[in-house]
C-alpha cells in the first residue's frame, strides 16, 4: 500500500513547502573502450556517485525571501528531510533560488539543494 506524502518536513524553514522532489542520485559511468574491446562493444566501469539535487517548492511567506537569498551565500550545511517512515540526512549547498509572481496566483519559490558527500538514510 502506498504512503501519503502529506506532512513531509525539512528541518530548515524556508517558507510553506508544497513540494519536495529529488535527489536524483546517479553514478558516473567511465568509458574504458579500447581498440581491442571484444566485438566492438563499448566497455564501462563504475565511477563516483553523485548525491543529486533536492528541489523545494512552496509559498513565499513574510520574511522568507531574505532568508532564502541569504542561504545562497552559506557553506554546505546539514539538512534533514523526514518522509514519515524514512529520514534523509545530508549536507548540501543551496545552489539556486527562484521566485514566481503570476498575476492571478500566489507568490511562490523554487530552491535547489545540491547534496555533497554521503547521505544517511534511516528508517523511523
N, C-alpha and C. Protein backbone atom coordinates (compact mmCIF):
# COMPACT_ATOMS: atom_id res chain seq x y z
N UNK A 1 0.85 -1.17 0.00
CA UNK A 1 0.00 0.00 0.00
C UNK A 1 0.89 1.24 0.00
N UNK A 2 0.50 2.23 -0.75
CA UNK A 2 1.24 3.48 -0.84
C UNK A 2 1.20 4.27 0.46
N UNK A 3 2.04 5.27 0.53
CA UNK A 3 2.13 6.12 1.72
C UNK A 3 1.85 7.56 1.31
N UNK A 4 1.04 8.26 2.07
CA UNK A 4 0.75 9.67 1.79
C UNK A 4 1.98 10.53 2.03
N UNK A 5 2.21 11.48 1.15
CA UNK A 5 3.35 12.39 1.29
C UNK A 5 3.05 13.58 2.19
N UNK A 6 1.77 13.82 2.48
CA UNK A 6 1.38 14.97 3.30
C UNK A 6 2.09 14.90 4.65
N UNK A 7 2.66 16.03 5.07
CA UNK A 7 3.34 16.08 6.35
C UNK A 7 4.84 15.92 6.26
N UNK A 8 5.37 15.70 5.05
CA UNK A 8 6.82 15.63 4.87
C UNK A 8 7.42 16.96 5.31
N UNK A 9 8.53 16.89 6.05
CA UNK A 9 9.12 18.12 6.57
C UNK A 9 10.61 18.20 6.24
N UNK A 10 11.14 19.41 6.28
CA UNK A 10 12.58 19.65 6.20
C UNK A 10 12.92 20.51 7.40
N UNK A 11 14.08 20.26 8.00
CA UNK A 11 14.42 20.92 9.26
C UNK A 11 14.74 22.40 9.14
N UNK A 12 15.02 22.89 7.96
CA UNK A 12 15.28 24.32 7.76
C UNK A 12 13.98 24.97 7.27
N UNK A 13 13.64 26.11 7.85
CA UNK A 13 12.39 26.77 7.48
C UNK A 13 12.65 27.78 6.36
N UNK A 14 12.21 27.45 5.17
CA UNK A 14 12.33 28.38 4.04
C UNK A 14 11.04 29.17 3.89
N UNK A 15 9.94 28.49 3.86
CA UNK A 15 8.62 29.08 3.68
C UNK A 15 7.64 27.91 3.78
N UNK A 16 6.43 28.07 3.28
CA UNK A 16 5.46 26.98 3.30
C UNK A 16 5.75 26.04 2.12
N UNK A 17 6.21 24.84 2.42
CA UNK A 17 6.56 23.89 1.36
C UNK A 17 5.31 23.24 0.77
N UNK A 18 5.28 23.16 -0.56
CA UNK A 18 4.19 22.46 -1.25
C UNK A 18 4.70 21.22 -1.98
N UNK A 19 6.03 21.16 -2.22
CA UNK A 19 6.59 20.01 -2.93
C UNK A 19 8.08 19.87 -2.61
N UNK A 20 8.50 18.64 -2.39
CA UNK A 20 9.91 18.30 -2.24
C UNK A 20 10.17 17.17 -3.22
N UNK A 21 11.14 17.36 -4.11
CA UNK A 21 11.46 16.29 -5.06
C UNK A 21 12.96 16.07 -5.11
N UNK A 22 13.34 14.90 -5.53
CA UNK A 22 14.76 14.58 -5.65
C UNK A 22 15.13 13.42 -4.76
N UNK A 23 16.39 13.11 -4.68
CA UNK A 23 17.51 13.89 -5.13
C UNK A 23 18.05 13.53 -6.52
N UNK A 24 17.55 12.49 -7.16
CA UNK A 24 18.09 12.13 -8.47
C UNK A 24 19.52 11.64 -8.39
N UNK A 25 19.80 10.80 -7.41
CA UNK A 25 21.15 10.25 -7.22
C UNK A 25 21.55 9.42 -8.43
N UNK A 26 22.82 9.55 -8.84
CA UNK A 26 23.29 8.79 -10.01
C UNK A 26 24.75 8.39 -9.83
N UNK A 27 25.18 7.48 -10.66
CA UNK A 27 26.57 7.03 -10.63
C UNK A 27 27.18 7.27 -12.01
N UNK A 28 28.34 7.89 -12.03
CA UNK A 28 29.05 8.17 -13.26
C UNK A 28 29.58 6.87 -13.87
N UNK A 29 29.43 6.72 -15.17
CA UNK A 29 29.99 5.57 -15.88
C UNK A 29 31.18 6.05 -16.70
N UNK A 30 32.31 5.37 -16.55
CA UNK A 30 33.55 5.76 -17.22
C UNK A 30 33.76 4.84 -18.42
N UNK A 31 33.87 5.43 -19.58
CA UNK A 31 34.07 4.67 -20.82
C UNK A 31 35.53 4.20 -20.88
N UNK A 32 35.72 2.88 -20.87
CA UNK A 32 37.08 2.30 -20.95
C UNK A 32 37.25 1.50 -22.24
N UNK A 33 36.44 1.84 -23.25
CA UNK A 33 36.51 1.17 -24.54
C UNK A 33 37.89 1.39 -25.16
N UNK A 34 38.40 0.36 -25.77
CA UNK A 34 39.69 0.47 -26.45
C UNK A 34 39.59 -0.19 -27.83
N UNK A 35 40.66 -0.08 -28.61
CA UNK A 35 40.66 -0.68 -29.95
C UNK A 35 40.52 -2.20 -29.91
N UNK A 36 40.82 -2.81 -28.78
CA UNK A 36 40.70 -4.27 -28.71
C UNK A 36 39.50 -4.71 -27.85
N UNK A 37 38.50 -3.83 -27.66
CA UNK A 37 37.28 -4.23 -26.94
C UNK A 37 36.57 -5.30 -27.74
N UNK A 38 36.13 -6.39 -27.09
CA UNK A 38 35.52 -7.53 -27.80
C UNK A 38 34.34 -7.13 -28.67
N UNK A 39 34.37 -7.56 -29.92
CA UNK A 39 33.28 -7.38 -30.89
C UNK A 39 32.85 -5.93 -31.08
N UNK A 40 33.74 -4.98 -30.82
CA UNK A 40 33.49 -3.54 -30.98
C UNK A 40 32.34 -3.05 -30.09
N UNK A 41 32.19 -3.65 -28.91
CA UNK A 41 31.19 -3.20 -27.94
C UNK A 41 31.88 -2.28 -26.93
N UNK A 42 31.21 -1.19 -26.59
CA UNK A 42 31.75 -0.27 -25.59
C UNK A 42 31.82 -0.97 -24.24
N UNK A 43 32.84 -0.59 -23.44
CA UNK A 43 33.01 -1.14 -22.10
C UNK A 43 33.06 0.00 -21.10
N UNK A 44 32.50 -0.24 -19.92
CA UNK A 44 32.42 0.78 -18.88
C UNK A 44 32.82 0.22 -17.53
N UNK A 45 33.31 1.11 -16.67
CA UNK A 45 33.49 0.80 -15.26
C UNK A 45 32.73 1.87 -14.48
N UNK A 46 32.32 1.51 -13.28
CA UNK A 46 31.55 2.43 -12.44
C UNK A 46 32.47 3.49 -11.85
N UNK A 47 32.02 4.72 -11.91
CA UNK A 47 32.76 5.84 -11.34
C UNK A 47 32.16 6.26 -10.01
N UNK A 48 32.21 7.54 -9.73
CA UNK A 48 31.77 8.08 -8.46
C UNK A 48 30.26 8.32 -8.43
N UNK A 49 29.71 8.33 -7.24
CA UNK A 49 28.28 8.55 -7.05
C UNK A 49 28.04 10.03 -6.79
N UNK A 50 27.03 10.58 -7.48
CA UNK A 50 26.62 11.97 -7.30
C UNK A 50 25.35 11.96 -6.45
N UNK A 51 25.38 12.65 -5.32
CA UNK A 51 24.23 12.67 -4.41
C UNK A 51 22.99 13.34 -4.97
N UNK A 52 23.13 14.07 -6.06
CA UNK A 52 21.97 14.66 -6.71
C UNK A 52 21.55 15.99 -6.10
N UNK A 53 20.34 16.41 -6.44
CA UNK A 53 19.80 17.69 -6.01
C UNK A 53 18.36 17.51 -5.56
N UNK A 54 18.05 18.07 -4.40
CA UNK A 54 16.66 18.15 -3.95
C UNK A 54 16.10 19.48 -4.44
N UNK A 55 14.86 19.49 -4.89
CA UNK A 55 14.16 20.71 -5.27
C UNK A 55 13.03 20.94 -4.29
N UNK A 56 12.98 22.15 -3.75
CA UNK A 56 11.91 22.55 -2.83
C UNK A 56 11.04 23.57 -3.54
N UNK A 57 9.72 23.44 -3.40
CA UNK A 57 8.80 24.43 -3.96
C UNK A 57 7.82 24.81 -2.87
N UNK A 58 7.35 26.06 -2.92
CA UNK A 58 6.40 26.46 -1.90
C UNK A 58 5.87 27.86 -2.05
N UNK A 59 5.16 28.27 -1.01
CA UNK A 59 4.56 29.58 -0.94
C UNK A 59 5.51 30.52 -0.20
N UNK A 60 5.76 31.68 -0.77
CA UNK A 60 6.57 32.69 -0.11
C UNK A 60 5.76 33.26 1.06
N UNK A 61 6.42 33.40 2.21
CA UNK A 61 5.79 34.00 3.38
C UNK A 61 6.57 35.25 3.78
N UNK A 62 6.02 36.04 4.68
CA UNK A 62 6.66 37.27 5.12
C UNK A 62 8.06 36.99 5.65
N UNK A 63 9.05 37.64 5.10
CA UNK A 63 10.43 37.48 5.55
C UNK A 63 11.18 36.32 4.93
N UNK A 64 10.50 35.43 4.23
CA UNK A 64 11.17 34.24 3.71
C UNK A 64 12.08 34.54 2.51
N UNK A 65 11.80 35.58 1.74
CA UNK A 65 12.63 35.90 0.59
C UNK A 65 14.05 36.22 1.04
N UNK A 66 14.21 37.08 2.03
CA UNK A 66 15.53 37.44 2.53
C UNK A 66 16.24 36.21 3.11
N UNK A 67 15.51 35.38 3.82
CA UNK A 67 16.09 34.17 4.41
C UNK A 67 16.63 33.25 3.32
N UNK A 68 15.84 33.03 2.28
CA UNK A 68 16.27 32.13 1.20
C UNK A 68 17.47 32.69 0.45
N UNK A 69 17.46 33.98 0.16
CA UNK A 69 18.59 34.57 -0.56
C UNK A 69 19.86 34.53 0.28
N UNK A 70 19.76 34.66 1.60
CA UNK A 70 20.92 34.58 2.48
C UNK A 70 21.53 33.18 2.46
N UNK A 71 20.71 32.15 2.25
CA UNK A 71 21.19 30.77 2.21
C UNK A 71 22.15 30.54 1.05
N UNK A 72 22.02 31.31 -0.03
CA UNK A 72 22.90 31.14 -1.19
C UNK A 72 24.36 31.42 -0.86
N UNK A 73 24.62 32.27 0.12
CA UNK A 73 25.98 32.64 0.46
C UNK A 73 26.64 31.75 1.50
N UNK A 74 25.93 30.75 1.98
CA UNK A 74 26.46 29.91 3.06
C UNK A 74 27.23 28.71 2.52
N UNK A 75 28.10 28.18 3.37
CA UNK A 75 28.78 26.91 3.07
C UNK A 75 27.76 25.79 3.19
N UNK A 76 28.17 24.58 2.80
CA UNK A 76 27.29 23.42 2.94
C UNK A 76 26.90 23.26 4.40
N UNK A 77 25.65 22.89 4.62
CA UNK A 77 25.18 22.62 5.97
C UNK A 77 24.28 21.41 5.97
N UNK A 78 24.02 20.88 7.16
CA UNK A 78 23.22 19.67 7.27
C UNK A 78 21.74 19.98 7.10
N UNK A 79 21.06 19.12 6.36
CA UNK A 79 19.61 19.18 6.19
C UNK A 79 19.04 17.82 6.57
N UNK A 80 17.83 17.81 7.08
CA UNK A 80 17.13 16.57 7.39
C UNK A 80 15.74 16.66 6.80
N UNK A 81 15.42 15.70 5.92
CA UNK A 81 14.07 15.61 5.36
C UNK A 81 13.42 14.38 5.96
N UNK A 82 12.25 14.57 6.57
CA UNK A 82 11.52 13.47 7.21
C UNK A 82 10.33 13.11 6.32
N UNK A 83 10.43 11.95 5.69
CA UNK A 83 9.37 11.47 4.81
C UNK A 83 8.33 10.64 5.56
N UNK A 84 8.40 10.61 6.87
CA UNK A 84 7.47 9.82 7.66
C UNK A 84 8.12 8.52 8.10
N UNK A 85 8.30 7.57 7.18
CA UNK A 85 8.92 6.29 7.50
C UNK A 85 10.44 6.31 7.29
N UNK A 86 10.93 7.32 6.58
CA UNK A 86 12.36 7.40 6.27
C UNK A 86 12.83 8.83 6.51
N UNK A 87 14.01 8.94 7.12
CA UNK A 87 14.65 10.24 7.32
C UNK A 87 15.90 10.26 6.47
N UNK A 88 16.06 11.33 5.70
CA UNK A 88 17.21 11.51 4.82
C UNK A 88 18.02 12.67 5.38
N UNK A 89 19.24 12.39 5.88
CA UNK A 89 20.12 13.41 6.43
C UNK A 89 21.29 13.59 5.49
N UNK A 90 21.60 14.84 5.13
CA UNK A 90 22.64 15.09 4.14
C UNK A 90 23.19 16.51 4.28
N UNK A 91 24.41 16.71 3.82
CA UNK A 91 24.98 18.05 3.72
C UNK A 91 24.69 18.56 2.32
N UNK A 92 24.38 19.85 2.21
CA UNK A 92 24.06 20.42 0.90
C UNK A 92 24.32 21.92 0.88
N UNK A 93 24.50 22.41 -0.33
CA UNK A 93 24.56 23.84 -0.60
C UNK A 93 23.21 24.24 -1.17
N UNK A 94 22.71 25.42 -0.82
CA UNK A 94 21.56 25.99 -1.53
C UNK A 94 22.16 26.55 -2.81
N UNK A 95 21.87 25.87 -3.94
CA UNK A 95 22.53 26.24 -5.19
C UNK A 95 21.71 27.18 -6.07
N UNK A 96 20.42 27.29 -5.80
CA UNK A 96 19.60 28.25 -6.57
C UNK A 96 18.31 28.55 -5.82
N UNK A 97 17.80 29.76 -6.06
CA UNK A 97 16.50 30.18 -5.55
C UNK A 97 15.83 30.96 -6.67
N UNK A 98 14.57 30.64 -6.93
CA UNK A 98 13.83 31.32 -7.99
C UNK A 98 12.44 31.64 -7.47
N UNK A 99 11.92 32.79 -7.88
CA UNK A 99 10.60 33.22 -7.43
C UNK A 99 9.66 33.34 -8.61
N UNK A 100 8.37 33.11 -8.34
CA UNK A 100 7.34 33.26 -9.35
C UNK A 100 6.24 34.17 -8.82
N UNK A 101 5.75 35.07 -9.69
CA UNK A 101 4.70 36.00 -9.29
C UNK A 101 3.68 36.15 -10.41
N UNK A 102 2.93 35.08 -10.72
CA UNK A 102 1.91 35.19 -11.76
C UNK A 102 0.80 36.17 -11.34
N UNK A 103 0.25 36.89 -12.27
CA UNK A 103 -0.71 37.94 -11.93
C UNK A 103 -2.00 37.42 -11.30
N UNK A 104 -2.33 36.16 -11.48
CA UNK A 104 -3.56 35.61 -10.88
C UNK A 104 -3.28 34.44 -9.95
N UNK A 105 -2.14 34.46 -9.29
CA UNK A 105 -1.81 33.34 -8.41
C UNK A 105 -0.94 33.83 -7.26
N UNK A 106 -0.49 32.91 -6.46
CA UNK A 106 0.32 33.23 -5.27
C UNK A 106 1.77 33.51 -5.63
N UNK A 107 2.48 34.17 -4.74
CA UNK A 107 3.92 34.37 -4.85
C UNK A 107 4.55 33.06 -4.40
N UNK A 108 5.37 32.47 -5.27
CA UNK A 108 5.93 31.15 -4.98
C UNK A 108 7.45 31.16 -5.15
N UNK A 109 8.07 30.06 -4.75
CA UNK A 109 9.51 29.93 -4.89
C UNK A 109 9.87 28.50 -5.25
N UNK A 110 11.08 28.36 -5.77
CA UNK A 110 11.69 27.06 -6.02
C UNK A 110 13.15 27.21 -5.59
N UNK A 111 13.66 26.25 -4.84
CA UNK A 111 15.05 26.28 -4.40
C UNK A 111 15.67 24.91 -4.63
N UNK A 112 16.96 24.90 -4.94
CA UNK A 112 17.68 23.65 -5.17
C UNK A 112 18.74 23.46 -4.09
N UNK A 113 18.81 22.24 -3.58
CA UNK A 113 19.81 21.86 -2.59
C UNK A 113 20.73 20.83 -3.22
N UNK A 114 21.99 21.19 -3.48
CA UNK A 114 22.96 20.27 -4.08
C UNK A 114 23.63 19.46 -2.99
N UNK A 115 23.38 18.16 -3.00
CA UNK A 115 23.93 17.25 -1.99
C UNK A 115 25.43 17.10 -2.20
N UNK A 116 26.18 17.15 -1.09
CA UNK A 116 27.61 16.92 -1.12
C UNK A 116 27.96 15.85 -0.10
N UNK A 117 28.77 14.89 -0.50
CA UNK A 117 29.15 13.81 0.41
C UNK A 117 28.11 12.70 0.46
N UNK A 118 28.25 11.85 1.47
CA UNK A 118 27.39 10.67 1.62
C UNK A 118 26.18 10.98 2.48
N UNK A 119 24.96 10.78 1.95
CA UNK A 119 23.76 10.98 2.77
C UNK A 119 23.54 9.77 3.70
N UNK A 120 22.73 9.99 4.72
CA UNK A 120 22.36 8.92 5.64
C UNK A 120 20.85 8.70 5.55
N UNK A 121 20.45 7.49 5.29
CA UNK A 121 19.04 7.13 5.27
C UNK A 121 18.74 6.30 6.51
N UNK A 122 17.67 6.63 7.19
CA UNK A 122 17.30 5.89 8.38
C UNK A 122 15.81 5.65 8.41
N UNK A 123 15.42 4.43 8.71
CA UNK A 123 14.01 4.10 8.88
C UNK A 123 13.59 4.57 10.28
N UNK A 124 12.41 5.18 10.33
CA UNK A 124 11.93 5.69 11.64
C UNK A 124 10.79 4.86 12.14
